[in-house]
Amino acid sequence: MSNQANTVVKTLESSSYVEEYSQKLCSPGQAAAAVKSGEFLVFPICAGEPILFSKALAARQKSLEGVTINQQHHVCKDYFTEDSPKHIKVNSWFTSGVSRKAVQNGWADWVPNYFHEVPKLMTECWPVDWVGTMVSPMDEHGYFTCSLSVAYTMAALKKASKVVVQVNENCPRTHGDCHIHISEVDYIIESTDPVFELPVPPITEIEELVGGYISELIENGSTLQLGIGGIPNAVCKALLQKKDLGIHTEMITDGMVDLLKSGAANNSLKSINRGKTIGTFALGTRRLYEYMNDNPTIEMHPVDYTNDPYIIGQHDKMVSINATIEVDLIGQCASESMGLTHWSGTGGQADFVRGANRSKGGQSFITLPSTAKGGSLSRIVPTLAPGAIVTTNKNEVDFVVSEFGVAKLRGRSASQRAKALIDIAHPDFREELRAAARKMNRL
């Protein structure tokens, strides 16, 4: 996006805000040096993290005590060590590969939440002294955009005493409720580093099967929410022949670019925000970020809008697609832990399942491969492992999909659910599951 950056620089030179910009410009170390012991910071999700600032903060952590960071999907690894908590302790609102070991070992903490409530919880339950975020270059009116991660950032900005922006010419300029004025900013750091990317992996045979089953049930004119991973990518590929799809999601991905460019998704029949793709954060490749840049058909909004089940439910034929780790024979979906071992977080799964259930003609799909550990372990089980966290409960689950088919659970009895789930389990485990179901008087 170098052409965009050059244009912005030329515009900035003639802007009345250039002097204010220059006065607030500093190094990452200068900004980090102003953080004091006992203060609370908020960083955005993944690609929105101001990585130069967070690394500079981590570099001086031994001079600090009792600093707390609230964040989902972390990028900087430097304060997730055994020695870090007395200096910088992280509250993980959704545990990722960067923070997982630290959370599991108690070096970091985690906060149970519904994603749509995170802005409210952060501002009402936790102090916010600092917020740092990656932004697109400033325009002639003095505005940056939160670009790839809006979510809870806007709420944190309203409460924070100090605001740090890391201006990156590679960040797309986005539309929606995602703007920060220079008058709200205290420290400006400049960066030309590549934006954090998530490569698109090849689709596996299992993922393609699951994606195919789901696509057959999605009608033209439906509005989509897709989670992260191979199965959502496979669904996008399988939907390329559909018509008039809409997108209202939390995460915008490369697969959605394919749907939009092909014309399969045009948002023309959406019940609200017609003509617009709506999201709260984006994560993917440079191709995605370039497609988003100054694209008026894509809007980024705070998560208390995008993930509000009431807003979601206003879309007719709303479809949500998310993954789980384990599901039991009554339909409880454990999507964030393996027994007592914490793995991820609730994210938007519960928000969108609930919203799709409110929608006229809505459908929600929970997906999983039928086995784990090289086929030695069934992911469809009689009862969840002790300590497993239920993300989607039995009253809200709609469809469960594996590579062996689709189980419709919503509105079905306990015995009907058990039979449907056993039918999509791996054949090696079906008799074992039937025996367990009979023992529980489910068959």
Protein backbone atom coordinates (compact mmCIF):
# COMPACT_ATOMS: atom_id res chain seq x y z
CA MET A 1 0.00 0.00 0.00
CA SER A 2 2.95 2.31 -0.64
CA ASN A 3 0.95 4.45 -3.11
CA GLN A 4 -1.65 5.07 -0.40
CA ALA A 5 1.10 5.98 2.05
CA ASN A 6 2.70 8.46 -0.37
CA THR A 7 -0.67 10.08 -1.01
CA VAL A 8 -1.31 10.42 2.72
CA VAL A 9 2.13 11.91 3.33
CA LYS A 10 1.56 14.55 0.62
CA THR A 11 -1.85 15.33 2.07
CA LEU A 12 -0.42 15.47 5.57
CA GLU A 13 2.18 18.04 4.53
CA SER A 14 -0.60 20.50 3.75
CA SER A 15 -2.76 19.55 6.70
CA SER A 16 -3.32 21.89 9.64
CA TYR A 17 -2.59 18.91 11.90
CA VAL A 18 1.00 18.35 10.76
CA GLU A 19 2.50 20.35 13.64
CA GLU A 20 0.44 18.46 16.23
CA TYR A 21 1.46 15.18 14.59
CA SER A 22 5.14 16.14 14.77
CA GLN A 23 4.87 17.12 18.43
CA LYS A 24 3.40 13.75 19.38
CA LEU A 25 5.78 11.67 17.26
CA CYS A 26 8.15 9.58 19.37
CA SER A 27 10.08 6.31 19.50
CA PRO A 28 8.54 3.12 20.91
CA GLY A 29 10.93 3.35 23.84
CA GLN A 30 9.87 6.91 24.68
CA ALA A 31 6.21 5.90 24.78
CA ALA A 32 6.91 2.76 26.82
CA ALA A 33 9.02 4.73 29.29
CA ALA A 34 5.93 6.71 30.33
CA VAL A 35 4.10 3.58 31.58
CA LYS A 36 4.16 3.35 35.39
CA SER A 37 3.95 0.45 37.79
CA GLY A 38 0.41 -0.58 38.65
CA GLU A 39 -1.12 0.76 35.44
CA PHE A 40 -3.59 -1.08 33.19
CA LEU A 41 -3.22 -1.29 29.41
CA VAL A 42 -5.50 -2.50 26.62
CA PHE A 43 -4.21 -3.83 23.30
CA PRO A 44 -6.41 -4.84 20.34
CA ILE A 45 -6.75 -8.24 18.71
CA CYS A 46 -3.78 -9.67 16.79
CA ALA A 47 -3.07 -7.53 13.70
CA GLY A 48 -4.20 -4.44 15.61
CA GLU A 49 -1.56 -4.80 18.32
CA PRO A 50 1.02 -1.96 18.29
CA ILE A 51 3.85 -4.47 18.30
CA LEU A 52 6.72 -1.93 18.50
CA PHE A 53 5.16 -0.39 21.61
CA SER A 54 4.37 -3.73 23.27
CA LYS A 55 7.91 -5.01 22.62
CA ALA A 56 9.40 -1.81 24.03
CA LEU A 57 7.20 -2.22 27.10
CA ALA A 58 8.30 -5.83 27.50
CA ALA A 59 11.96 -4.78 27.20
CA ARG A 60 11.66 -2.67 30.34
CA GLN A 61 9.36 -4.99 32.29
CA LYS A 62 11.88 -5.62 35.08
CA SER A 63 11.64 -1.94 36.02
CA LEU A 64 7.87 -2.31 36.49
CA GLU A 65 5.61 -3.98 39.04
CA GLY A 66 1.91 -4.81 38.85
CA VAL A 67 1.29 -3.73 35.24
CA THR A 68 -1.75 -5.47 33.71
CA ILE A 69 -2.57 -5.94 30.03
CA ASN A 70 -6.10 -6.83 28.87
CA GLN A 71 -6.16 -8.31 25.36
CA GLN A 72 -7.46 -10.99 23.00
CA HIS A 73 -5.25 -12.86 20.49
CA HIS A 74 -1.77 -11.70 21.43
CA VAL A 75 1.21 -11.15 19.13
CA CYS A 76 4.10 -10.09 21.39
CA LYS A 77 5.53 -13.16 23.18
CA ASP A 78 7.99 -11.29 25.38
CA TYR A 79 5.92 -10.99 28.56
CA PHE A 80 4.51 -14.53 28.59
CA THR A 81 7.36 -16.00 30.63
CA GLU A 82 7.52 -17.51 34.11
CA ASP A 83 9.20 -14.36 35.43
CA SER A 84 6.82 -11.87 33.80
CA PRO A 85 3.73 -11.87 36.09
CA LYS A 86 5.25 -9.83 38.92
CA HIS A 87 6.15 -7.20 36.34
CA ILE A 88 3.52 -7.52 33.59
CA LYS A 89 0.51 -9.80 34.04
CA VAL A 90 -1.80 -10.49 31.11
CA ASN A 91 -5.53 -11.08 31.27
CA SER A 92 -6.26 -13.17 28.18
CA TRP A 93 -9.79 -12.58 26.87
CA PHE A 94 -9.23 -15.26 24.22
CA THR A 95 -6.18 -17.45 24.58
CA SER A 96 -4.03 -17.94 21.48
CA GLY A 97 -0.90 -19.88 20.60
CA VAL A 98 1.23 -17.04 21.97
CA SER A 99 -0.42 -17.00 25.41
CA ARG A 100 -1.63 -20.61 25.77
CA LYS A 101 1.35 -22.02 27.65
CA ALA A 102 1.41 -19.03 29.99
CA VAL A 103 -2.31 -19.39 30.78
CA GLN A 104 -2.01 -23.14 31.31
CA ASN A 105 0.94 -22.62 33.67
CA GLY A 106 -0.64 -19.74 35.57
CA TRP A 107 1.81 -17.12 34.29
CA ALA A 108 -1.14 -15.30 32.70
CA ASP A 109 -4.80 -15.18 33.69
CA TRP A 110 -7.94 -15.46 31.56
CA VAL A 111 -11.32 -13.76 31.70
CA PRO A 112 -14.57 -15.64 30.88
CA ASN A 113 -16.72 -13.50 28.58
CA TYR A 114 -19.17 -13.23 25.74
CA PHE A 115 -17.33 -11.36 22.99
CA HIS A 116 -20.13 -8.81 22.51
CA GLU A 117 -19.85 -7.85 26.20
CA VAL A 118 -16.08 -7.27 26.22
CA PRO A 119 -16.25 -3.46 25.72
CA LYS A 120 -18.70 -3.18 28.63
CA LEU A 121 -16.71 -5.53 30.86
CA MET A 122 -13.41 -3.81 30.14
CA THR A 123 -14.72 -0.36 30.89
CA GLU A 124 -16.91 -1.27 33.89
CA CYS A 125 -14.81 -3.96 35.57
CA TRP A 126 -11.20 -2.94 34.85
CA PRO A 127 -9.27 0.33 34.94
CA VAL A 128 -7.96 1.53 31.58
CA ASP A 129 -4.93 3.79 31.92
CA TRP A 130 -3.47 3.18 28.46
CA VAL A 131 -4.69 1.92 25.12
CA GLY A 132 -2.33 1.22 22.26
CA THR A 133 -3.40 0.33 18.73
CA MET A 134 -2.14 0.01 15.17
CA VAL A 135 -3.72 2.55 12.82
CA SER A 136 -3.75 3.60 9.19
CA PRO A 137 -2.05 6.91 8.28
CA MET A 138 -3.78 10.15 9.25
CA ASP A 139 -5.98 11.88 6.69
CA GLU A 140 -6.23 15.62 6.01
CA HIS A 141 -8.98 15.92 8.64
CA GLY A 142 -6.75 14.53 11.41
CA TYR A 143 -8.31 11.06 11.55
CA PHE A 144 -6.64 7.68 11.78
CA THR A 145 -8.64 4.45 11.51
CA CYS A 146 -8.37 1.42 13.77
CA SER A 147 -8.06 -0.51 10.53
CA LEU A 148 -7.91 -4.25 11.23
CA SER A 149 -9.09 -4.40 14.84
CA VAL A 150 -11.99 -2.33 16.15
CA ALA A 151 -13.70 -4.79 18.55
CA TYR A 152 -13.24 -3.32 22.06
CA THR A 153 -10.63 -0.69 21.06
CA MET A 154 -13.13 2.14 20.65
CA ALA A 155 -14.58 1.59 24.13
CA ALA A 156 -11.10 1.51 25.67
CA LEU A 157 -10.24 4.79 23.92
CA LYS A 158 -13.11 6.54 25.68
CA LYS A 159 -11.81 5.54 29.10
CA ALA A 160 -8.02 5.57 28.70
CA SER A 161 -5.91 8.39 30.08
CA LYS A 162 -3.13 7.81 27.54
CA VAL A 163 -3.47 6.75 23.89
CA VAL A 164 -0.62 5.37 21.76
CA VAL A 165 -1.06 4.82 18.03
CA GLN A 166 1.40 2.95 15.85
CA VAL A 167 0.91 4.42 12.38
CA ASN A 168 1.65 1.87 9.69
CA GLU A 169 1.48 2.70 5.99
CA ASN A 170 0.61 -0.97 5.34
CA CYS A 171 -2.60 -0.82 7.40
CA PRO A 172 -5.72 -0.44 5.27
CA ARG A 173 -7.86 2.63 5.76
CA THR A 174 -11.27 1.33 6.77
CA HIS A 175 -14.80 2.67 6.91
CA GLY A 176 -17.33 2.42 9.73
CA ASP A 177 -17.21 3.29 13.43
CA CYS A 178 -13.43 3.02 13.68
CA HIS A 179 -11.92 6.52 13.58
CA ILE A 180 -9.52 8.18 16.04
CA HIS A 181 -8.80 11.90 15.87
CA ILE A 182 -5.29 13.16 16.51
CA SER A 183 -6.60 15.29 19.36
CA GLU A 184 -7.35 12.04 21.22
CA VAL A 185 -3.79 10.74 20.79
CA ASP A 186 -0.85 11.27 23.16
CA TYR A 187 1.95 9.31 21.48
CA ILE A 188 2.54 8.53 17.80
CA ILE A 189 4.93 5.78 16.70
CA GLU A 190 5.64 5.23 13.01
CA SER A 191 6.21 1.87 11.38
CA THR A 192 6.68 0.48 7.90
CA ASP A 193 6.80 -3.17 8.99
CA PRO A 194 4.58 -5.72 7.25
CA VAL A 195 1.25 -6.21 9.01
CA PHE A 196 0.79 -9.48 10.89
CA GLU A 197 -0.60 -12.07 8.47
CA LEU A 198 -2.37 -15.41 8.80
CA PRO A 199 -1.56 -17.66 5.82
CA VAL A 200 -4.39 -19.60 4.21
CA PRO A 201 -3.57 -23.32 4.57
CA PRO A 202 -4.58 -25.95 2.00
CA ILE A 203 -8.06 -27.38 2.58
CA THR A 204 -7.99 -30.98 3.79
CA GLU A 205 -10.29 -33.74 2.57
CA ILE A 206 -12.20 -33.72 5.87
CA GLU A 207 -12.64 -29.94 5.74
CA GLU A 208 -13.88 -30.13 2.16
CA LEU A 209 -16.46 -32.76 3.10
CA VAL A 210 -17.73 -30.70 6.04
CA GLY A 211 -17.83 -27.54 3.94
CA GLY A 212 -19.80 -29.35 1.26
CA TYR A 213 -22.44 -30.60 3.69
CA ILE A 214 -22.94 -27.10 5.10
CA SER A 215 -23.08 -25.36 1.74
CA GLU A 216 -25.93 -27.63 0.61
CA LEU A 217 -28.06 -26.29 3.49
CA ILE A 218 -27.30 -22.60 2.92
CA GLU A 219 -29.89 -20.84 0.79
CA ASN A 220 -29.28 -18.01 -1.65
CA GLY A 221 -29.76 -14.68 0.10
CA SER A 222 -28.44 -15.92 3.46
CA THR A 223 -26.18 -13.73 5.63
CA LEU A 224 -22.99 -15.39 6.86
CA GLN A 225 -20.75 -15.43 9.89
CA LEU A 226 -17.69 -17.61 9.54
CA GLY A 227 -15.11 -18.44 12.18
CA ILE A 228 -11.43 -19.14 11.71
CA GLY A 229 -9.81 -22.23 10.22
CA GLY A 230 -9.93 -24.75 7.41
CA ILE A 231 -13.64 -25.58 7.59
CA PRO A 232 -14.81 -21.95 7.17
CA ASN A 233 -12.35 -21.66 4.26
CA ALA A 234 -13.85 -24.82 2.74
CA VAL A 235 -17.37 -23.41 3.22
CA CYS A 236 -16.39 -20.22 1.37
CA LYS A 237 -15.02 -22.29 -1.50
CA ALA A 238 -18.20 -24.39 -1.64
CA LEU A 239 -20.42 -21.28 -1.65
CA LEU A 240 -18.90 -19.66 -4.73
CA GLN A 241 -21.87 -20.80 -6.84
CA LYS A 242 -24.48 -19.26 -4.51
CA LYS A 243 -26.21 -15.93 -5.12
CA ASP A 244 -26.94 -12.75 -3.17
CA LEU A 245 -25.18 -13.82 0.04
CA GLY A 246 -24.53 -11.27 2.75
CA ILE A 247 -21.75 -11.02 5.34
CA HIS A 248 -22.21 -9.92 8.95
CA THR A 249 -19.37 -11.39 10.94
CA GLU A 250 -16.82 -10.73 13.64
CA MET A 251 -13.77 -11.77 11.61
CA ILE A 252 -13.21 -10.83 7.97
CA THR A 253 -11.09 -13.40 6.12
CA ASP A 254 -9.51 -14.15 2.76
CA GLY A 255 -12.31 -16.60 1.95
CA MET A 256 -14.80 -13.75 2.16
CA VAL A 257 -12.79 -11.82 -0.42
CA ASP A 258 -13.33 -14.72 -2.81
CA LEU A 259 -17.09 -14.63 -2.17
CA LEU A 260 -17.25 -10.87 -2.69
CA LYS A 261 -15.07 -10.78 -5.79
CA SER A 262 -16.96 -13.65 -7.41
CA GLY A 263 -20.30 -11.93 -6.84
CA ALA A 264 -21.64 -14.82 -4.74
CA ALA A 265 -21.78 -12.33 -1.86
CA ASN A 266 -23.07 -8.85 -2.67
CA ASN A 267 -25.02 -7.99 0.51
CA SER A 268 -27.97 -6.95 -1.66
CA LEU A 269 -30.64 -8.78 0.35
CA LYS A 270 -29.44 -8.13 3.89
CA SER A 271 -32.16 -7.08 6.30
CA ILE A 272 -29.93 -4.36 7.80
CA ASN A 273 -26.73 -2.67 6.56
CA ARG A 274 -27.78 -3.57 3.03
CA GLY A 275 -24.91 -3.40 0.55
CA LYS A 276 -22.28 -3.58 3.31
CA THR A 277 -19.96 -6.26 4.63
CA ILE A 278 -19.81 -5.78 8.40
CA GLY A 279 -16.99 -7.00 10.68
CA THR A 280 -15.14 -6.08 13.85
CA PHE A 281 -11.63 -7.37 13.09
CA ALA A 282 -9.78 -8.82 10.12
CA LEU A 283 -7.04 -11.41 9.95
CA GLY A 284 -5.53 -12.92 6.84
CA THR A 285 -3.04 -12.15 4.12
CA ARG A 286 -1.90 -8.97 2.42
CA ARG A 287 -4.43 -9.72 -0.31
CA LEU A 288 -7.24 -9.29 2.23
CA TYR A 289 -5.79 -6.09 3.64
CA GLU A 290 -5.37 -4.55 0.19
CA TYR A 291 -8.95 -5.46 -0.72
CA MET A 292 -10.19 -3.73 2.43
CA ASN A 293 -8.24 -0.53 1.85
CA ASP A 294 -10.65 2.39 1.44
CA ASN A 295 -13.35 -0.05 0.32
CA PRO A 296 -16.69 1.69 1.04
CA THR A 297 -18.59 -1.62 0.91
CA ILE A 298 -16.74 -2.93 3.98
CA GLU A 299 -17.39 -1.39 7.39
CA MET A 300 -15.65 -2.12 10.69
CA HIS A 301 -17.70 -1.66 13.86
CA PRO A 302 -17.24 -2.30 17.59
CA VAL A 303 -17.98 -5.83 18.74
CA ASP A 304 -20.88 -4.74 20.96
CA TYR A 305 -22.64 -4.02 17.66
CA THR A 306 -21.41 -6.80 15.35
CA ASN A 307 -21.82 -9.56 17.94
CA ASP A 308 -24.96 -8.38 19.71
CA PRO A 309 -27.39 -11.33 19.36
CA TYR A 310 -30.24 -8.84 18.96
CA ILE A 311 -28.50 -7.20 15.97
CA ILE A 312 -27.48 -10.55 14.51
CA GLY A 313 -31.03 -11.84 14.83
CA GLN A 314 -32.41 -8.98 12.74
CA HIS A 315 -30.86 -10.59 9.65
CA ASP A 316 -33.21 -13.01 7.94
CA LYS A 317 -31.58 -16.37 7.10
CA MET A 318 -28.59 -15.67 9.34
CA VAL A 319 -26.03 -18.50 9.20
CA SER A 320 -23.25 -18.96 11.75
CA ILE A 321 -20.43 -21.48 11.29
CA ASN A 322 -18.00 -22.25 14.10
CA ALA A 323 -15.81 -25.08 15.34
CA THR A 324 -15.72 -27.10 18.55
CA ILE A 325 -13.30 -29.48 20.24
CA GLU A 326 -15.77 -32.00 21.65
CA VAL A 327 -19.54 -32.60 21.72
CA ASP A 328 -21.48 -34.96 23.96
CA LEU A 329 -24.60 -36.97 23.15
CA ILE A 330 -26.99 -34.31 24.46
CA GLY A 331 -25.34 -31.67 22.25
CA GLN A 332 -23.14 -29.74 24.67
CA CYS A 333 -20.21 -28.25 22.73
CA ALA A 334 -16.87 -27.74 24.50
CA SER A 335 -15.04 -25.32 22.22
CA GLU A 336 -12.45 -23.73 24.47
CA SER A 337 -10.91 -26.40 26.69
CA MET A 338 -9.89 -30.03 26.64
CA GLY A 339 -11.10 -31.12 30.04
CA LEU A 340 -9.28 -28.85 32.48
CA THR A 341 -6.71 -27.76 29.88
CA HIS A 342 -7.57 -24.25 28.72
CA TRP A 343 -7.13 -23.79 24.97
CA SER A 344 -8.89 -20.71 23.52
CA GLY A 345 -12.03 -18.82 24.56
CA THR A 346 -15.72 -18.35 23.92
CA GLY A 347 -15.05 -15.78 21.21
CA GLY A 348 -18.13 -15.01 19.15
CA GLN A 349 -19.47 -18.55 18.94
CA ALA A 350 -22.13 -18.14 21.62
CA ASP A 351 -23.09 -14.68 20.32
CA PHE A 352 -23.70 -15.86 16.78
CA VAL A 353 -25.38 -19.15 17.70
CA ARG A 354 -27.83 -17.21 19.82
CA GLY A 355 -28.28 -14.56 17.14
CA ALA A 356 -28.88 -17.14 14.40
CA ASN A 357 -31.50 -18.80 16.59
CA ARG A 358 -33.33 -15.46 16.81
CA SER A 359 -33.19 -14.98 13.04
CA LYS A 360 -36.12 -15.78 10.76
CA GLY A 361 -34.86 -18.81 8.83
CA GLY A 362 -31.55 -18.73 10.72
CA GLN A 363 -29.20 -21.69 11.06
CA SER A 364 -26.08 -22.31 13.13
CA PHE A 365 -23.50 -25.00 12.43
CA ILE A 366 -20.95 -26.34 14.90
CA THR A 367 -18.24 -28.31 13.12
CA LEU A 368 -15.59 -30.82 14.12
CA PRO A 369 -13.56 -33.68 12.67
CA SER A 370 -14.96 -36.92 14.08
CA THR A 371 -11.67 -37.98 15.69
CA ALA A 372 -8.47 -36.62 17.23
CA LYS A 373 -4.98 -37.97 17.91
CA GLY A 374 -4.64 -39.79 14.64
CA GLY A 375 -8.06 -41.40 14.83
CA SER A 376 -7.51 -42.92 18.26
CA LEU A 377 -9.98 -40.63 20.05
CA SER A 378 -13.60 -39.80 19.23
CA ARG A 379 -14.59 -36.15 19.43
CA ILE A 380 -18.23 -37.17 19.80
CA VAL A 381 -18.44 -38.54 23.33
CA PRO A 382 -21.08 -39.85 25.77
CA THR A 383 -20.26 -37.07 28.25
CA LEU A 384 -17.77 -34.23 28.14
CA ALA A 385 -14.38 -34.68 29.80
CA PRO A 386 -14.32 -33.59 33.47
CA GLY A 387 -13.74 -29.84 33.66
CA ALA A 388 -14.61 -29.18 30.02
CA ILE A 389 -16.07 -25.72 29.40
CA VAL A 390 -19.43 -25.68 27.61
CA THR A 391 -19.37 -22.93 24.99
CA THR A 392 -22.59 -23.71 23.13
CA ASN A 393 -25.12 -25.28 25.44
CA LYS A 394 -27.63 -28.01 24.67
CA ASN A 395 -30.55 -25.57 24.40
CA GLU A 396 -28.87 -23.44 21.74
CA VAL A 397 -27.05 -25.94 19.54
CA ASP A 398 -28.64 -26.34 16.10
CA PHE A 399 -26.60 -28.42 13.63
CA VAL A 400 -23.44 -30.42 14.37
CA VAL A 401 -21.41 -31.42 11.32
CA SER A 402 -18.53 -33.88 10.89
CA GLU A 403 -17.03 -35.49 7.80
CA PHE A 404 -19.69 -38.19 8.16
CA GLY A 405 -22.70 -35.91 7.85
CA VAL A 406 -25.04 -33.49 9.55
CA ALA A 407 -26.87 -33.94 12.86
CA LYS A 408 -29.88 -31.67 13.38
CA LEU A 409 -30.33 -31.21 17.16
CA ARG A 410 -32.42 -28.12 17.76
CA GLY A 411 -35.97 -29.07 18.70
CA ARG A 412 -35.08 -32.76 18.97
CA SER A 413 -35.41 -35.04 22.01
CA ALA A 414 -32.49 -36.47 23.97
CA SER A 415 -32.77 -39.86 22.26
CA GLN A 416 -33.11 -38.29 18.80
CA ARG A 417 -30.00 -36.22 19.47
CA ALA A 418 -27.99 -39.23 20.62
CA LYS A 419 -28.93 -41.21 17.51
CA ALA A 420 -28.16 -38.29 15.15
CA LEU A 421 -24.76 -37.66 16.73
CA ILE A 422 -23.80 -41.33 16.70
CA ASP A 423 -24.65 -41.43 12.99
CA ILE A 424 -22.02 -38.74 12.27
CA ALA A 425 -19.38 -40.19 14.61
CA HIS A 426 -16.49 -42.17 13.16
CA PRO A 427 -17.65 -45.76 12.42
CA ASP A 428 -14.92 -47.12 14.73
CA PHE A 429 -16.62 -45.55 17.76
CA ARG A 430 -20.32 -45.87 16.93
CA GLU A 431 -20.98 -49.15 18.75
CA GLU A 432 -19.18 -47.86 21.84
CA LEU A 433 -21.32 -44.72 21.73
CA ARG A 434 -24.51 -46.75 21.28
CA ALA A 435 -23.65 -48.83 24.35
CA ALA A 436 -23.07 -45.66 26.38
CA ALA A 437 -26.34 -44.15 25.11
CA ARG A 438 -28.28 -47.27 26.09
CA LYS A 439 -26.69 -47.16 29.54
CA MET A 440 -27.94 -43.57 29.88
CA ASN A 441 -31.41 -44.64 28.62
CA ARG A 442 -30.96 -42.49 25.51
CA LEU A 443 -31.51 -45.36 23.05
